[in-house]
Amino acid sequence: MKVNNNISIICASDNHYAILIVALLKSIDLNHKTNEHIDFHIIDDGIAKSFRKKLESIVDPSRITIKWFKSKEIVPSHITIPVDSSAFPLTAYMRVFSPYVVDEDVEKLIYLDVDTIVQDDISKLWNLSLGEYTVAAAQDVGKTVDCKWGGIANYAELGLTADTKYFNSGVLVVNPKKWKAEGISEKVIDALRIHKKYVQLADQYGLNVVLANKWLQLDPKWNWFAFNENDNPSLVHFLDIKPIFKTYNSKEVYKDEFYRYLSLTPWKNFKPISGNQRHIRKIFNKIKKAFIKL
């Protein structure tokens, strides 16, 4: 079978956060200097048709192909996502199924949270060798599984030591063939169901349980958290309040970069919205999950 050498990138969003895709996509476009074609896959969890059409106008299709996938269509039929009580949108779980989005001839993919911007040539991350690993990721803010607010509370029960490294799932380089062969999606969902009372940070808990000590560590510059200073990060992750809100509370320089990318698109006149919208959305997510549980 012929190998697909296009750079495969995947992100997921609902309509509320869709504008984040604009800055992410434009940042990738502007900073990509090598010849590889990019296949930009978007897992669509209710994005408006008008937005989709406008988004496709911001890149040259000879360089970047945008591919759309409905969220309900990529989850294998035998898998049911367990619903937690957090304010995380169900869209967050889509990264667990990202290997099912790409074509069978794709041997590597990059999953990016929609609240990221790329400040370097994405081909540098793409050309990383995974070796025998299924996944590469960067260490999370909490660093290790014994982190009280975001680790694996039952790590000892699972046979892990307190200093076991814990990764952030917002930027992943994945071997999709190995992922599917090893049944990672199923194992993550099972972990979330079996250890439900210990789950923190949604699917990130399950991914770290299943892949503990089995992931390749990325240079932190490829998943740099926006509340920390860095003169030259390769990828900025708006882990806390997003720059689309007036209540944004991370480094201003990264917010400026976000709006620099937006200024080069039809969304150039977008202004930050009230932080109340963020809280309303969190309440909506919780209510939606409560109804699903019924």
Protein backbone atom coordinates (compact mmCIF):
# COMPACT_ATOMS: atom_id res chain seq x y z
CA MET A 1 0.00 0.00 0.00
CA LYS A 2 1.27 3.45 -0.89
CA VAL A 3 2.14 5.59 2.12
CA ASN A 4 0.31 8.90 2.47
CA ASN A 5 3.03 11.51 3.04
CA ASN A 6 0.67 14.45 3.61
CA ILE A 7 0.83 16.03 7.05
CA SER A 8 -2.35 14.87 8.81
CA ILE A 9 -3.66 17.23 11.47
CA ILE A 10 -6.87 16.75 13.44
CA CYS A 11 -8.84 19.09 15.69
CA ALA A 12 -12.38 19.02 17.06
CA SER A 13 -14.84 21.77 17.92
CA ASP A 14 -18.44 22.66 18.52
CA ASN A 15 -19.94 25.86 17.13
CA HIS A 16 -19.27 27.85 20.30
CA TYR A 17 -15.49 27.51 20.04
CA ALA A 18 -15.26 27.24 16.26
CA ILE A 19 -13.58 30.64 15.90
CA LEU A 20 -10.55 29.16 17.63
CA ILE A 21 -10.06 26.98 14.54
CA VAL A 22 -9.60 30.13 12.47
CA ALA A 23 -6.52 31.31 14.36
CA LEU A 24 -5.14 27.76 14.63
CA LEU A 25 -5.50 27.05 10.92
CA LYS A 26 -4.08 30.43 9.89
CA SER A 27 -1.12 30.00 12.25
CA ILE A 28 -0.32 26.63 10.70
CA ASP A 29 -0.68 28.07 7.20
CA LEU A 30 1.60 31.07 7.76
CA ASN A 31 4.38 29.15 9.48
CA HIS A 32 4.48 26.09 7.21
CA LYS A 33 7.48 26.59 4.91
CA THR A 34 8.25 23.10 3.62
CA ASN A 35 6.63 21.32 0.67
CA GLU A 36 4.42 18.78 2.40
CA HIS A 37 0.73 19.12 1.70
CA ILE A 38 -1.43 19.41 4.82
CA ASP A 39 -4.67 17.52 5.33
CA PHE A 40 -6.51 19.44 8.05
CA HIS A 41 -9.26 17.25 9.50
CA ILE A 42 -11.99 18.92 11.54
CA ILE A 43 -14.27 16.86 13.75
CA ASP A 44 -17.47 18.88 13.53
CA ASP A 45 -19.66 18.78 16.62
CA GLY A 46 -22.36 21.12 15.35
CA ILE A 47 -20.43 23.84 13.50
CA ALA A 48 -22.61 26.13 11.38
CA LYS A 49 -22.54 25.58 7.62
CA SER A 50 -21.90 29.29 7.00
CA PHE A 51 -18.81 29.14 9.22
CA ARG A 52 -17.49 26.11 7.37
CA LYS A 53 -17.73 27.82 3.99
CA LYS A 54 -15.99 30.96 5.24
CA LEU A 55 -13.22 28.96 6.93
CA GLU A 56 -12.35 27.20 3.68
CA SER A 57 -11.61 30.58 2.11
CA ILE A 58 -8.67 31.40 4.39
CA VAL A 59 -6.21 28.84 2.98
CA ASP A 60 -4.90 27.85 -0.44
CA PRO A 61 -6.36 24.41 -1.27
CA SER A 62 -3.20 23.53 -3.19
CA ARG A 63 -1.35 23.69 0.17
CA ILE A 64 -4.00 22.73 2.71
CA THR A 65 -7.04 20.51 2.24
CA ILE A 66 -9.79 20.90 4.84
CA LYS A 67 -11.71 17.69 5.56
CA TRP A 68 -14.89 17.66 7.64
CA PHE A 69 -16.18 14.81 9.79
CA LYS A 70 -19.33 14.67 11.89
CA SER A 71 -18.52 13.74 15.48
CA LYS A 72 -21.23 11.08 15.65
CA GLU A 73 -19.75 9.30 12.63
CA ILE A 74 -16.23 8.71 13.93
CA VAL A 75 -17.01 6.90 17.18
CA PRO A 76 -17.00 3.14 16.46
CA SER A 77 -20.50 1.69 16.89
CA HIS A 78 -19.44 -0.68 19.69
CA ILE A 79 -18.15 2.17 21.89
CA THR A 80 -20.29 4.33 24.19
CA ILE A 81 -18.68 7.39 25.75
CA PRO A 82 -19.25 7.41 29.52
CA VAL A 83 -20.74 10.72 30.61
CA ASP A 84 -19.09 12.49 33.54
CA SER A 85 -20.39 15.46 35.54
CA SER A 86 -17.66 17.92 34.55
CA ALA A 87 -18.11 21.08 32.48
CA PHE A 88 -15.89 19.70 29.70
CA PRO A 89 -17.84 19.48 26.43
CA LEU A 90 -18.35 16.03 24.96
CA THR A 91 -16.31 17.32 22.01
CA ALA A 92 -13.21 16.90 24.20
CA TYR A 93 -13.53 13.12 23.97
CA MET A 94 -13.19 13.17 20.19
CA ARG A 95 -9.39 13.11 20.40
CA VAL A 96 -9.68 9.52 21.65
CA PHE A 97 -11.15 8.59 18.26
CA SER A 98 -8.91 10.73 16.05
CA PRO A 99 -7.15 7.68 14.52
CA TYR A 100 -10.51 6.68 13.04
CA VAL A 101 -10.70 9.94 11.08
CA VAL A 102 -7.65 9.52 8.85
CA ASP A 103 -7.39 7.26 5.81
CA GLU A 104 -6.00 3.75 6.18
CA ASP A 105 -2.73 4.68 4.45
CA VAL A 106 -1.89 7.38 7.03
CA GLU A 107 0.92 6.28 9.33
CA LYS A 108 1.06 9.32 11.60
CA LEU A 109 -1.25 12.10 12.74
CA ILE A 110 -1.04 15.22 14.88
CA TYR A 111 -3.99 15.92 17.15
CA LEU A 112 -4.26 19.55 18.28
CA ASP A 113 -6.71 21.00 20.76
CA VAL A 114 -8.62 23.80 19.10
CA ASP A 115 -7.31 26.29 21.69
CA THR A 116 -3.78 26.25 20.29
CA ILE A 117 -1.78 28.30 17.80
CA VAL A 118 1.33 27.06 16.01
CA GLN A 119 4.32 29.41 16.03
CA ASP A 120 6.77 27.21 14.11
CA ASP A 121 6.70 25.02 11.01
CA ILE A 122 4.37 22.12 11.83
CA SER A 123 6.56 19.90 9.66
CA LYS A 124 9.15 19.89 12.47
CA LEU A 125 6.66 18.18 14.76
CA TRP A 126 5.45 15.98 11.93
CA ASN A 127 8.94 14.68 11.18
CA LEU A 128 9.44 13.51 14.76
CA SER A 129 10.18 9.78 14.86
CA LEU A 130 7.85 7.90 17.18
CA GLY A 131 10.03 4.80 17.04
CA GLU A 132 8.21 2.01 18.86
CA TYR A 133 5.89 4.42 20.67
CA THR A 134 2.22 4.81 19.80
CA VAL A 135 1.97 8.37 21.14
CA ALA A 136 4.18 11.39 21.79
CA ALA A 137 3.01 14.15 24.13
CA ALA A 138 4.31 16.88 26.42
CA GLN A 139 4.21 16.76 30.20
CA ASP A 140 1.20 18.45 31.77
CA VAL A 141 1.20 21.34 34.25
CA GLY A 142 0.77 18.85 37.09
CA LYS A 143 3.87 16.94 35.91
CA THR A 144 3.20 13.60 37.66
CA VAL A 145 0.29 11.28 38.46
CA ASP A 146 0.27 12.28 42.14
CA CYS A 147 -0.88 15.82 41.30
CA LYS A 148 -3.88 16.38 43.58
CA TRP A 149 -5.98 18.46 41.19
CA GLY A 150 -5.22 16.85 37.86
CA GLY A 151 -3.40 13.55 38.12
CA ILE A 152 -4.46 9.94 38.66
CA ALA A 153 -5.82 9.78 42.21
CA ASN A 154 -5.78 5.96 42.25
CA TYR A 155 -2.29 5.65 40.76
CA ALA A 156 -1.04 3.31 43.51
CA GLU A 157 -4.00 0.97 42.98
CA LEU A 158 -3.03 0.86 39.31
CA GLY A 159 0.56 -0.09 40.14
CA LEU A 160 2.07 3.30 39.31
CA THR A 161 4.64 5.17 41.36
CA ALA A 162 3.96 8.74 42.49
CA ASP A 163 6.62 10.15 40.17
CA THR A 164 5.14 8.58 37.01
CA LYS A 165 5.02 11.35 34.42
CA TYR A 166 1.62 12.64 33.37
CA PHE A 167 1.02 14.15 29.92
CA ASN A 168 -1.26 16.83 28.53
CA SER A 169 -3.55 15.41 25.84
CA GLY A 170 -4.00 18.69 23.94
CA VAL A 171 -1.11 17.98 21.57
CA LEU A 172 -0.54 14.40 20.48
CA VAL A 173 1.55 12.80 17.75
CA VAL A 174 -0.02 9.41 17.08
CA ASN A 175 0.69 6.27 15.09
CA PRO A 176 -2.96 5.53 14.13
CA LYS A 177 -2.29 1.97 12.97
CA LYS A 178 -0.67 0.99 16.27
CA TRP A 179 -3.36 2.87 18.19
CA LYS A 180 -6.13 0.87 16.53
CA ALA A 181 -4.24 -2.42 16.69
CA GLU A 182 -3.71 -1.93 20.42
CA GLY A 183 -7.35 -0.96 21.00
CA ILE A 184 -6.37 2.28 22.73
CA SER A 185 -9.77 3.95 22.22
CA GLU A 186 -11.59 1.02 23.80
CA LYS A 187 -9.12 0.82 26.68
CA VAL A 188 -9.40 4.54 27.43
CA ILE A 189 -13.20 4.40 27.48
CA ASP A 190 -13.07 1.31 29.71
CA ALA A 191 -10.70 3.11 32.10
CA LEU A 192 -13.06 6.07 32.30
CA ARG A 193 -15.98 3.78 33.08
CA ILE A 194 -14.23 1.47 35.55
CA HIS A 195 -12.50 4.25 37.50
CA LYS A 196 -15.27 6.81 37.11
CA LYS A 197 -15.03 8.22 40.65
CA TYR A 198 -11.35 9.07 40.13
CA VAL A 199 -11.66 10.74 36.72
CA GLN A 200 -10.20 14.23 36.53
CA LEU A 201 -9.76 16.29 33.34
CA ALA A 202 -12.06 13.99 31.37
CA ASP A 203 -10.41 11.79 28.73
CA GLN A 204 -6.93 12.93 29.76
CA TYR A 205 -7.27 10.72 32.83
CA GLY A 206 -8.09 7.66 30.72
CA LEU A 207 -5.29 8.33 28.24
CA ASN A 208 -2.73 8.59 31.04
CA VAL A 209 -3.99 5.43 32.72
CA VAL A 210 -3.77 3.39 29.52
CA LEU A 211 -0.51 4.91 28.24
CA ALA A 212 1.33 5.29 31.57
CA ASN A 213 5.10 4.96 30.97
CA LYS A 214 4.36 4.18 27.30
CA TRP A 215 4.57 7.61 25.69
CA LEU A 216 7.39 9.56 24.08
CA GLN A 217 7.99 12.92 25.76
CA LEU A 218 7.83 15.99 23.52
CA ASP A 219 9.89 19.10 24.04
CA PRO A 220 7.58 21.38 26.12
CA LYS A 221 7.94 24.12 23.50
CA TRP A 222 5.52 22.04 21.37
CA ASN A 223 2.79 22.40 23.98
CA TRP A 224 3.61 25.64 25.76
CA PHE A 225 0.98 26.77 28.23
CA ALA A 226 -0.04 30.38 27.67
CA PHE A 227 0.26 31.40 31.31
CA ASN A 228 4.04 30.80 31.18
CA GLU A 229 6.63 33.04 29.55
CA ASN A 230 8.71 31.84 26.61
CA ASP A 231 10.45 33.96 24.00
CA ASN A 232 10.07 31.37 21.28
CA PRO A 233 7.45 28.65 21.83
CA SER A 234 6.69 26.39 18.88
CA LEU A 235 3.06 25.93 19.88
CA VAL A 236 1.00 27.92 22.39
CA HIS A 237 -1.84 26.23 24.27
CA PHE A 238 -4.50 28.45 25.85
CA LEU A 239 -5.10 26.00 28.63
CA ASP A 240 -7.03 28.38 30.86
CA ILE A 241 -9.52 31.08 29.76
CA LYS A 242 -9.46 31.39 25.97
CA PRO A 243 -8.46 34.65 24.21
CA ILE A 244 -11.95 35.00 22.75
CA PHE A 245 -13.15 36.07 26.22
CA LYS A 246 -12.68 39.43 27.93
CA THR A 247 -11.69 37.54 31.08
CA TYR A 248 -8.60 36.02 29.40
CA ASN A 249 -5.94 35.77 32.11
CA SER A 250 -2.79 34.36 30.51
CA LYS A 251 0.18 36.16 28.91
CA GLU A 252 -0.92 39.11 26.77
CA VAL A 253 1.71 38.45 24.09
CA TYR A 254 0.02 35.18 23.15
CA LYS A 255 -3.39 36.82 22.98
CA ASP A 256 -1.87 39.39 20.62
CA GLU A 257 -0.59 36.58 18.42
CA PHE A 258 -4.01 34.94 18.38
CA TYR A 259 -5.60 38.19 17.15
CA ARG A 260 -2.80 38.74 14.64
CA TYR A 261 -3.82 35.51 12.93
CA LEU A 262 -7.51 36.39 13.10
CA SER A 263 -6.74 39.78 11.52
CA LEU A 264 -5.67 37.99 8.35
CA THR A 265 -9.07 36.34 7.93
CA PRO A 266 -12.72 37.36 7.45
CA TRP A 267 -12.94 37.37 11.27
CA LYS A 268 -10.56 40.34 11.53
CA ASN A 269 -13.16 42.46 13.33
CA PHE A 270 -13.94 39.89 16.02
CA LYS A 271 -13.87 41.35 19.53
CA PRO A 272 -13.52 39.41 22.80
CA ILE A 273 -16.87 38.41 24.25
CA SER A 274 -18.14 38.55 27.82
CA GLY A 275 -16.78 36.04 30.29
CA ASN A 276 -20.39 35.35 31.23
CA GLN A 277 -20.75 33.49 27.92
CA ARG A 278 -18.04 31.11 29.09
CA HIS A 279 -19.89 30.36 32.31
CA ILE A 280 -23.17 29.91 30.50
CA ARG A 281 -21.52 27.41 28.18
CA LYS A 282 -20.14 25.43 31.12
CA ILE A 283 -23.61 25.23 32.64
CA PHE A 284 -25.00 24.15 29.25
CA ASN A 285 -22.40 21.36 29.01
CA LYS A 286 -23.31 20.04 32.45
CA ILE A 287 -27.05 20.11 31.69
CA LYS A 288 -26.48 18.37 28.36
CA LYS A 289 -24.54 15.58 30.08
CA ALA A 290 -27.23 15.25 32.78
CA PHE A 291 -29.89 14.69 30.09
CA ILE A 292 -27.71 12.10 28.33
CA LYS A 293 -27.36 10.19 31.60
CA LEU A 294 -31.15 9.93 31.99
